[in-house]
Amino acid sequence: MRILLQTTIPSTSDDWSIERFSLLHRLLVESGHEVISANKDESLAATIDRSRADQIWLFAVDAGDGLGADECETLTRFRASGRGLLVTRDH
């Protein structure tokens, strides 16, 4: 299983950037999954529908402006192709 852990904010040292999810990343890797972790500024969500990922775990930790219309359309295409999407919201 190839999983992308993705946040909706850029890398920020004092916020919920992807580094805060390092234990989850490690647990998934130790369980045999291929895992990529990325913040929004790494632009993976914009092209995820063309990736090899089987699932996206999206952590919506922004204050309300995390994803644009283009990213939402890309995630819709990803999900429509039969792949998994887990979305959780913080604010």
PDB file of N, CA and C in Angstrom:
ATOM      1  N   MET A   1       0.844  -1.178   0.000  1.00  0.00           N
ATOM      2  CA  MET A   1       0.000   0.000   0.000  1.00  0.00           C
ATOM      3  C   MET A   1       0.887   1.239   0.000  1.00  0.00           C
ATOM      4  N   ARG A   2       0.640   2.136  -0.923  1.00  0.00           N
ATOM      5  CA  ARG A   2       1.368   3.416  -0.993  1.00  0.00           C
ATOM      6  C   ARG A   2       0.450   4.516  -0.457  1.00  0.00           C
ATOM      7  N   ILE A   3       0.906   5.173   0.605  1.00  0.00           N
ATOM      8  CA  ILE A   3       0.087   6.179   1.281  1.00  0.00           C
ATOM      9  C   ILE A   3       0.799   7.519   1.263  1.00  0.00           C
ATOM     10  N   LEU A   4       0.058   8.556   0.928  1.00  0.00           N
ATOM     11  CA  LEU A   4       0.555   9.927   1.044  1.00  0.00           C
ATOM     12  C   LEU A   4      -0.085  10.556   2.265  1.00  0.00           C
ATOM     13  N   LEU A   5       0.730  10.986   3.233  1.00  0.00           N
ATOM     14  CA  LEU A   5       0.271  11.794   4.359  1.00  0.00           C
ATOM     15  C   LEU A   5       0.501  13.236   3.945  1.00  0.00           C
ATOM     16  N   GLN A   6      -0.552  14.036   3.890  1.00  0.00           N
ATOM     17  CA  GLN A   6      -0.457  15.391   3.345  1.00  0.00           C
ATOM     18  C   GLN A   6      -1.160  16.381   4.265  1.00  0.00           C
ATOM     19  N   THR A   7      -0.513  17.517   4.545  1.00  0.00           N
ATOM     20  CA  THR A   7      -1.180  18.593   5.283  1.00  0.00           C
ATOM     21  C   THR A   7      -1.638  19.663   4.300  1.00  0.00           C
ATOM     22  N   THR A   8      -2.461  20.579   4.799  1.00  0.00           N
ATOM     23  CA  THR A   8      -2.978  21.670   3.964  1.00  0.00           C
ATOM     24  C   THR A   8      -2.324  23.000   4.302  1.00  0.00           C
ATOM     25  N   ILE A   9      -1.171  22.943   4.972  1.00  0.00           N
ATOM     26  CA  ILE A   9      -0.418  24.156   5.290  1.00  0.00           C
ATOM     27  C   ILE A   9       1.023  23.973   4.840  1.00  0.00           C
ATOM     28  N   PRO A  10       1.724  25.063   4.598  1.00  0.00           N
ATOM     29  CA  PRO A  10       3.142  24.954   4.281  1.00  0.00           C
ATOM     30  C   PRO A  10       3.938  24.553   5.517  1.00  0.00           C
ATOM     31  N   SER A  11       5.159  24.174   5.309  1.00  0.00           N
ATOM     32  CA  SER A  11       6.041  23.812   6.413  1.00  0.00           C
ATOM     33  C   SER A  11       6.171  24.989   7.370  1.00  0.00           C
ATOM     34  N   THR A  12       5.824  24.748   8.630  1.00  0.00           N
ATOM     35  CA  THR A  12       5.842  25.779   9.656  1.00  0.00           C
ATOM     36  C   THR A  12       6.350  25.151  10.941  1.00  0.00           C
ATOM     37  N   SER A  13       7.360  25.756  11.540  1.00  0.00           N
ATOM     38  CA  SER A  13       7.969  25.131  12.717  1.00  0.00           C
ATOM     39  C   SER A  13       7.055  25.122  13.932  1.00  0.00           C
ATOM     40  N   ASP A  14       6.132  26.047  14.051  1.00  0.00           N
ATOM     41  CA  ASP A  14       5.294  26.139  15.238  1.00  0.00           C
ATOM     42  C   ASP A  14       3.819  25.934  14.888  1.00  0.00           C
ATOM     43  N   ASP A  15       3.535  24.930  14.066  1.00  0.00           N
ATOM     44  CA  ASP A  15       2.163  24.649  13.669  1.00  0.00           C
ATOM     45  C   ASP A  15       2.062  23.158  13.357  1.00  0.00           C
ATOM     46  N   TRP A  16       0.915  22.716  12.893  1.00  0.00           N
ATOM     47  CA  TRP A  16       0.691  21.302  12.629  1.00  0.00           C
ATOM     48  C   TRP A  16       1.193  20.878  11.251  1.00  0.00           C
ATOM     49  N   SER A  17       2.432  21.172  10.950  1.00  0.00           N
ATOM     50  CA  SER A  17       3.001  20.721   9.691  1.00  0.00           C
ATOM     51  C   SER A  17       3.225  19.206   9.758  1.00  0.00           C
ATOM     52  N   ILE A  18       3.595  18.617   8.662  1.00  0.00           N
ATOM     53  CA  ILE A  18       3.683  17.153   8.557  1.00  0.00           C
ATOM     54  C   ILE A  18       4.672  16.551   9.552  1.00  0.00           C
ATOM     55  N   GLU A  19       5.631  17.323  10.000  1.00  0.00           N
ATOM     56  CA  GLU A  19       6.600  16.810  10.963  1.00  0.00           C
ATOM     57  C   GLU A  19       5.926  16.357  12.260  1.00  0.00           C
ATOM     58  N   ARG A  20       4.797  16.935  12.585  1.00  0.00           N
ATOM     59  CA  ARG A  20       4.050  16.542  13.788  1.00  0.00           C
ATOM     60  C   ARG A  20       3.438  15.143  13.652  1.00  0.00           C
ATOM     61  N   PHE A  21       3.414  14.616  12.439  1.00  0.00           N
ATOM     62  CA  PHE A  21       2.843  13.303  12.198  1.00  0.00           C
ATOM     63  C   PHE A  21       3.928  12.242  11.959  1.00  0.00           C
ATOM     64  N   SER A  22       5.128  12.496  12.431  1.00  0.00           N
ATOM     65  CA  SER A  22       6.256  11.588  12.185  1.00  0.00           C
ATOM     66  C   SER A  22       6.051  10.217  12.827  1.00  0.00           C
ATOM     67  N   LEU A  23       5.413  10.144  13.974  1.00  0.00           N
ATOM     68  CA  LEU A  23       5.154   8.841  14.597  1.00  0.00           C
ATOM     69  C   LEU A  23       4.187   8.016  13.757  1.00  0.00           C
ATOM     70  N   LEU A  24       3.168   8.651  13.206  1.00  0.00           N
ATOM     71  CA  LEU A  24       2.242   7.952  12.312  1.00  0.00           C
ATOM     72  C   LEU A  24       2.984   7.452  11.078  1.00  0.00           C
ATOM     73  N   HIS A  25       3.812   8.308  10.492  1.00  0.00           N
ATOM     74  CA  HIS A  25       4.609   7.914   9.331  1.00  0.00           C
ATOM     75  C   HIS A  25       5.426   6.667   9.668  1.00  0.00           C
ATOM     76  N   ARG A  26       6.130   6.700  10.782  1.00  0.00           N
ATOM     77  CA  ARG A  26       6.990   5.577  11.165  1.00  0.00           C
ATOM     78  C   ARG A  26       6.179   4.306  11.405  1.00  0.00           C
ATOM     79  N   LEU A  27       5.043   4.423  12.086  1.00  0.00           N
ATOM     80  CA  LEU A  27       4.200   3.261  12.343  1.00  0.00           C
ATOM     81  C   LEU A  27       3.722   2.622  11.037  1.00  0.00           C
ATOM     82  N   LEU A  28       3.308   3.433  10.082  1.00  0.00           N
ATOM     83  CA  LEU A  28       2.859   2.899   8.796  1.00  0.00           C
ATOM     84  C   LEU A  28       3.989   2.211   8.042  1.00  0.00           C
ATOM     85  N   VAL A  29       5.178   2.803   8.068  1.00  0.00           N
ATOM     86  CA  VAL A  29       6.339   2.181   7.416  1.00  0.00           C
ATOM     87  C   VAL A  29       6.672   0.852   8.081  1.00  0.00           C
ATOM     88  N   GLU A  30       6.682   0.840   9.399  1.00  0.00           N
ATOM     89  CA  GLU A  30       6.982  -0.396  10.141  1.00  0.00           C
ATOM     90  C   GLU A  30       5.925  -1.468   9.895  1.00  0.00           C
ATOM     91  N   SER A  31       4.722  -1.066   9.494  1.00  0.00           N
ATOM     92  CA  SER A  31       3.647  -2.009   9.182  1.00  0.00           C
ATOM     93  C   SER A  31       3.717  -2.500   7.738  1.00  0.00           C
ATOM     94  N   GLY A  32       4.734  -2.057   7.006  1.00  0.00           N
ATOM     95  CA  GLY A  32       4.944  -2.544   5.654  1.00  0.00           C
ATOM     96  C   GLY A  32       4.429  -1.670   4.534  1.00  0.00           C
ATOM     97  N   HIS A  33       3.985  -0.468   4.856  1.00  0.00           N
ATOM     98  CA  HIS A  33       3.471   0.435   3.830  1.00  0.00           C
ATOM     99  C   HIS A  33       4.583   1.339   3.286  1.00  0.00           C
ATOM    100  N   GLU A  34       4.423   1.742   2.049  1.00  0.00           N
ATOM    101  CA  GLU A  34       5.286   2.762   1.455  1.00  0.00           C
ATOM    102  C   GLU A  34       4.613   4.106   1.746  1.00  0.00           C
ATOM    103  N   VAL A  35       5.328   5.017   2.426  1.00  0.00           N
ATOM    104  CA  VAL A  35       4.708   6.254   2.890  1.00  0.00           C
ATOM    105  C   VAL A  35       5.521   7.458   2.446  1.00  0.00           C
ATOM    106  N   ILE A  36       4.821   8.454   1.952  1.00  0.00           N
ATOM    107  CA  ILE A  36       5.411   9.759   1.654  1.00  0.00           C
ATOM    108  C   ILE A  36       4.666  10.765   2.514  1.00  0.00           C
ATOM    109  N   SER A  37       5.396  11.641   3.181  1.00  0.00           N
ATOM    110  CA  SER A  37       4.793  12.696   3.988  1.00  0.00           C
ATOM    111  C   SER A  37       5.152  14.041   3.380  1.00  0.00           C
ATOM    112  N   ALA A  38       4.164  14.925   3.288  1.00  0.00           N
ATOM    113  CA  ALA A  38       4.409  16.214   2.632  1.00  0.00           C
ATOM    114  C   ALA A  38       3.510  17.297   3.196  1.00  0.00           C
ATOM    115  N   ASN A  39       4.040  18.504   3.202  1.00  0.00           N
ATOM    116  CA  ASN A  39       3.260  19.697   3.507  1.00  0.00           C
ATOM    117  C   ASN A  39       2.705  20.263   2.208  1.00  0.00           C
ATOM    118  N   LYS A  40       1.783  21.189   2.318  1.00  0.00           N
ATOM    119  CA  LYS A  40       1.154  21.784   1.137  1.00  0.00           C
ATOM    120  C   LYS A  40       2.171  22.416   0.182  1.00  0.00           C
ATOM    121  N   ASP A  41       3.212  23.049   0.719  1.00  0.00           N
ATOM    122  CA  ASP A  41       4.179  23.727  -0.138  1.00  0.00           C
ATOM    123  C   ASP A  41       5.007  22.776  -0.990  1.00  0.00           C
ATOM    124  N   GLU A  42       4.847  21.491  -0.766  1.00  0.00           N
ATOM    125  CA  GLU A  42       5.546  20.508  -1.584  1.00  0.00           C
ATOM    126  C   GLU A  42       4.712  20.071  -2.779  1.00  0.00           C
ATOM    127  N   SER A  43       3.528  20.655  -2.923  1.00  0.00           N
ATOM    128  CA  SER A  43       2.678  20.576  -4.118  1.00  0.00           C
ATOM    129  C   SER A  43       2.312  19.174  -4.577  1.00  0.00           C
ATOM    130  N   LEU A  44       2.270  18.208  -3.692  1.00  0.00           N
ATOM    131  CA  LEU A  44       1.888  16.868  -4.116  1.00  0.00           C
ATOM    132  C   LEU A  44       0.402  16.755  -4.415  1.00  0.00           C
ATOM    133  N   ALA A  45      -0.434  17.497  -3.698  1.00  0.00           N
ATOM    134  CA  ALA A  45      -1.883  17.412  -3.925  1.00  0.00           C
ATOM    135  C   ALA A  45      -2.267  17.862  -5.327  1.00  0.00           C
ATOM    136  N   ALA A  46      -1.487  18.743  -5.924  1.00  0.00           N
ATOM    137  CA  ALA A  46      -1.819  19.259  -7.251  1.00  0.00           C
ATOM    138  C   ALA A  46      -1.681  18.205  -8.347  1.00  0.00           C
ATOM    139  N   THR A  47      -0.885  17.177  -8.106  1.00  0.00           N
ATOM    140  CA  THR A  47      -0.658  16.151  -9.136  1.00  0.00           C
ATOM    141  C   THR A  47      -0.958  14.739  -8.639  1.00  0.00           C
ATOM    142  N   ILE A  48      -1.605  14.609  -7.506  1.00  0.00           N
ATOM    143  CA  ILE A  48      -1.792  13.291  -6.900  1.00  0.00           C
ATOM    144  C   ILE A  48      -2.597  12.339  -7.770  1.00  0.00           C
ATOM    145  N   ASP A  49      -3.480  12.858  -8.586  1.00  0.00           N
ATOM    146  CA  ASP A  49      -4.275  11.964  -9.434  1.00  0.00           C
ATOM    147  C   ASP A  49      -3.415  11.244 -10.472  1.00  0.00           C
ATOM    148  N   ARG A  50      -2.206  11.729 -10.719  1.00  0.00           N
ATOM    149  CA  ARG A  50      -1.286  11.080 -11.664  1.00  0.00           C
ATOM    150  C   ARG A  50      -0.193  10.294 -10.941  1.00  0.00           C
ATOM    151  N   SER A  51      -0.306  10.161  -9.627  1.00  0.00           N
ATOM    152  CA  SER A  51       0.719   9.481  -8.842  1.00  0.00           C
ATOM    153  C   SER A  51       0.424   7.987  -8.745  1.00  0.00           C
ATOM    154  N   ARG A  52       1.317   7.295  -8.087  1.00  0.00           N
ATOM    155  CA  ARG A  52       1.134   5.868  -7.831  1.00  0.00           C
ATOM    156  C   ARG A  52       0.505   5.607  -6.465  1.00  0.00           C
ATOM    157  N   ALA A  53       0.134   6.637  -5.729  1.00  0.00           N
ATOM    158  CA  ALA A  53      -0.425   6.468  -4.386  1.00  0.00           C
ATOM    159  C   ALA A  53      -1.743   5.706  -4.432  1.00  0.00           C
ATOM    160  N   ASP A  54      -1.934   4.830  -3.450  1.00  0.00           N
ATOM    161  CA  ASP A  54      -3.195   4.101  -3.306  1.00  0.00           C
ATOM    162  C   ASP A  54      -4.172   4.849  -2.411  1.00  0.00           C
ATOM    163  N   GLN A  55      -3.616   5.602  -1.454  1.00  0.00           N
ATOM    164  CA  GLN A  55      -4.445   6.342  -0.511  1.00  0.00           C
ATOM    165  C   GLN A  55      -3.805   7.696  -0.216  1.00  0.00           C
ATOM    166  N   ILE A  56      -4.650   8.665   0.092  1.00  0.00           N
ATOM    167  CA  ILE A  56      -4.197   9.953   0.620  1.00  0.00           C
ATOM    168  C   ILE A  56      -4.847  10.110   1.984  1.00  0.00           C
ATOM    169  N   TRP A  57      -4.030  10.447   2.966  1.00  0.00           N
ATOM    170  CA  TRP A  57      -4.533  10.807   4.281  1.00  0.00           C
ATOM    171  C   TRP A  57      -4.287  12.301   4.390  1.00  0.00           C
ATOM    172  N   LEU A  58      -5.326  13.081   4.254  1.00  0.00           N
ATOM    173  CA  LEU A  58      -5.214  14.539   4.206  1.00  0.00           C
ATOM    174  C   LEU A  58      -5.572  15.139   5.561  1.00  0.00           C
ATOM    175  N   PHE A  59      -4.632  15.844   6.138  1.00  0.00           N
ATOM    176  CA  PHE A  59      -4.820  16.509   7.425  1.00  0.00           C
ATOM    177  C   PHE A  59      -5.088  17.982   7.165  1.00  0.00           C
ATOM    178  N   ALA A  60      -6.361  18.374   7.250  1.00  0.00           N
ATOM    179  CA  ALA A  60      -6.765  19.753   6.983  1.00  0.00           C
ATOM    180  C   ALA A  60      -6.555  20.569   8.256  1.00  0.00           C
ATOM    181  N   VAL A  61      -5.350  21.076   8.430  1.00  0.00           N
ATOM    182  CA  VAL A  61      -4.966  21.790   9.648  1.00  0.00           C
ATOM    183  C   VAL A  61      -4.869  23.299   9.425  1.00  0.00           C
ATOM    184  N   ASP A  62      -5.380  23.762   8.310  1.00  0.00           N
ATOM    185  CA  ASP A  62      -5.354  25.190   7.988  1.00  0.00           C
ATOM    186  C   ASP A  62      -6.503  25.903   8.695  1.00  0.00           C
ATOM    187  N   ALA A  63      -6.512  27.207   8.593  1.00  0.00           N
ATOM    188  CA  ALA A  63      -7.563  28.011   9.240  1.00  0.00           C
ATOM    189  C   ALA A  63      -8.763  28.260   8.325  1.00  0.00           C
ATOM    190  N   GLY A  64      -8.807  27.612   7.175  1.00  0.00           N
ATOM    191  CA  GLY A  64      -9.963  27.761   6.299  1.00  0.00           C
ATOM    192  C   GLY A  64      -9.642  27.999   4.844  1.00  0.00           C
ATOM    193  N   ASP A  65      -8.383  28.141   4.508  1.00  0.00           N
ATOM    194  CA  ASP A  65      -8.005  28.420   3.121  1.00  0.00           C
ATOM    195  C   ASP A  65      -6.960  27.429   2.612  1.00  0.00           C
ATOM    196  N   GLY A  66      -7.063  26.189   3.044  1.00  0.00           N
ATOM    197  CA  GLY A  66      -6.028  25.198   2.756  1.00  0.00           C
ATOM    198  C   GLY A  66      -5.970  24.688   1.339  1.00  0.00           C
ATOM    199  N   LEU A  67      -7.106  24.410   0.724  1.00  0.00           N
ATOM    200  CA  LEU A  67      -7.122  23.845  -0.620  1.00  0.00           C
ATOM    201  C   LEU A  67      -7.865  24.766  -1.575  1.00  0.00           C
ATOM    202  N   GLY A  68      -7.297  24.906  -2.756  1.00  0.00           N
ATOM    203  CA  GLY A  68      -7.947  25.670  -3.801  1.00  0.00           C
ATOM    204  C   GLY A  68      -8.820  24.770  -4.655  1.00  0.00           C
ATOM    205  N   ALA A  69      -9.553  25.379  -5.560  1.00  0.00           N
ATOM    206  CA  ALA A  69     -10.465  24.628  -6.434  1.00  0.00           C
ATOM    207  C   ALA A  69      -9.727  23.592  -7.272  1.00  0.00           C
ATOM    208  N   ASP A  70      -8.532  23.928  -7.779  1.00  0.00           N
ATOM    209  CA  ASP A  70      -7.764  22.983  -8.592  1.00  0.00           C
ATOM    210  C   ASP A  70      -7.366  21.750  -7.778  1.00  0.00           C
ATOM    211  N   GLU A  71      -6.933  21.964  -6.531  1.00  0.00           N
ATOM    212  CA  GLU A  71      -6.554  20.833  -5.682  1.00  0.00           C
ATOM    213  C   GLU A  71      -7.763  19.967  -5.354  1.00  0.00           C
ATOM    214  N   CYS A  72      -8.901  20.579  -5.117  1.00  0.00           N
ATOM    215  CA  CYS A  72     -10.129  19.820  -4.853  1.00  0.00           C
ATOM    216  C   CYS A  72     -10.522  18.971  -6.057  1.00  0.00           C
ATOM    217  N   GLU A  73     -10.400  19.528  -7.245  1.00  0.00           N
ATOM    218  CA  GLU A  73     -10.706  18.763  -8.465  1.00  0.00           C
ATOM    219  C   GLU A  73      -9.745  17.593  -8.627  1.00  0.00           C
ATOM    220  N   THR A  74      -8.478  17.813  -8.315  1.00  0.00           N
ATOM    221  CA  THR A  74      -7.486  16.737  -8.399  1.00  0.00           C
ATOM    222  C   THR A  74      -7.812  15.620  -7.420  1.00  0.00           C
ATOM    223  N   LEU A  75      -8.192  15.981  -6.193  1.00  0.00           N
ATOM    224  CA  LEU A  75      -8.569  14.979  -5.197  1.00  0.00           C
ATOM    225  C   LEU A  75      -9.837  14.238  -5.622  1.00  0.00           C
ATOM    226  N   THR A  76     -10.766  14.921  -6.265  1.00  0.00           N
ATOM    227  CA  THR A  76     -11.976  14.278  -6.768  1.00  0.00           C
ATOM    228  C   THR A  76     -11.630  13.247  -7.834  1.00  0.00           C
ATOM    229  N   ARG A  77     -10.733  13.588  -8.747  1.00  0.00           N
ATOM    230  CA  ARG A  77     -10.297  12.626  -9.779  1.00  0.00           C
ATOM    231  C   ARG A  77      -9.591  11.432  -9.142  1.00  0.00           C
ATOM    232  N   PHE A  78      -8.760  11.697  -8.134  1.00  0.00           N
ATOM    233  CA  PHE A  78      -8.058  10.627  -7.421  1.00  0.00           C
ATOM    234  C   PHE A  78      -9.072   9.650  -6.828  1.00  0.00           C
ATOM    235  N   ARG A  79     -10.069  10.159  -6.133  1.00  0.00           N
ATOM    236  CA  ARG A  79     -11.090   9.329  -5.493  1.00  0.00           C
ATOM    237  C   ARG A  79     -11.950   8.619  -6.529  1.00  0.00           C
ATOM    238  N   ALA A  80     -12.277   9.295  -7.615  1.00  0.00           N
ATOM    239  CA  ALA A  80     -13.090   8.691  -8.671  1.00  0.00           C
ATOM    240  C   ALA A  80     -12.380   7.530  -9.359  1.00  0.00           C
ATOM    241  N   SER A  81     -11.050   7.518  -9.276  1.00  0.00           N
ATOM    242  CA  SER A  81     -10.296   6.421  -9.885  1.00  0.00           C
ATOM    243  C   SER A  81     -10.284   5.172  -9.010  1.00  0.00           C
ATOM    244  N   GLY A  82     -10.985   5.230  -7.863  1.00  0.00           N
ATOM    245  CA  GLY A  82     -11.109   4.057  -7.013  1.00  0.00           C
ATOM    246  C   GLY A  82     -10.106   3.996  -5.874  1.00  0.00           C
ATOM    247  N   ARG A  83      -9.321   5.034  -5.729  1.00  0.00           N
ATOM    248  CA  ARG A  83      -8.327   5.047  -4.643  1.00  0.00           C
ATOM    249  C   ARG A  83      -8.909   5.706  -3.401  1.00  0.00           C
ATOM    250  N   GLY A  84      -8.257   5.485  -2.260  1.00  0.00           N
ATOM    251  CA  GLY A  84      -8.799   5.898  -0.978  1.00  0.00           C
ATOM    252  C   GLY A  84      -8.411   7.304  -0.553  1.00  0.00           C
ATOM    253  N   LEU A  85      -9.339   7.954   0.122  1.00  0.00           N
ATOM    254  CA  LEU A  85      -9.124   9.310   0.605  1.00  0.00           C
ATOM    255  C   LEU A  85      -9.654   9.397   2.027  1.00  0.00           C
ATOM    256  N   LEU A  86      -8.762   9.695   2.972  1.00  0.00           N
ATOM    257  CA  LEU A  86      -9.133   9.949   4.355  1.00  0.00           C
ATOM    258  C   LEU A  86      -8.877  11.406   4.633  1.00  0.00           C
ATOM    259  N   VAL A  87      -9.897  12.117   5.086  1.00  0.00           N
ATOM    260  CA  VAL A  87      -9.757  13.551   5.354  1.00  0.00           C
ATOM    261  C   VAL A  87     -10.162  13.801   6.797  1.00  0.00           C
ATOM    262  N   THR A  88      -9.320  14.536   7.499  1.00  0.00           N
ATOM    263  CA  THR A  88      -9.664  14.930   8.863  1.00  0.00           C
ATOM    264  C   THR A  88      -9.411  16.418   9.004  1.00  0.00           C
ATOM    265  N   ARG A  89     -10.214  17.066   9.819  1.00  0.00           N
ATOM    266  CA  ARG A  89     -10.180  18.522   9.954  1.00  0.00           C
ATOM    267  C   ARG A  89      -9.846  18.900  11.393  1.00  0.00           C
ATOM    268  N   ASP A  90      -9.060  19.943  11.567  1.00  0.00           N
ATOM    269  CA  ASP A  90      -8.671  20.386  12.891  1.00  0.00           C
ATOM    270  C   ASP A  90      -9.443  21.619  13.340  1.00  0.00           C
ATOM    271  N   HIS A  91      -9.630  22.587  12.488  1.00  0.00           N
ATOM    272  CA  HIS A  91     -10.248  23.850  12.892  1.00  0.00           C
ATOM    273  C   HIS A  91     -11.724  23.892  12.543  1.00  0.00           C
TER     274      HIS A  91
END
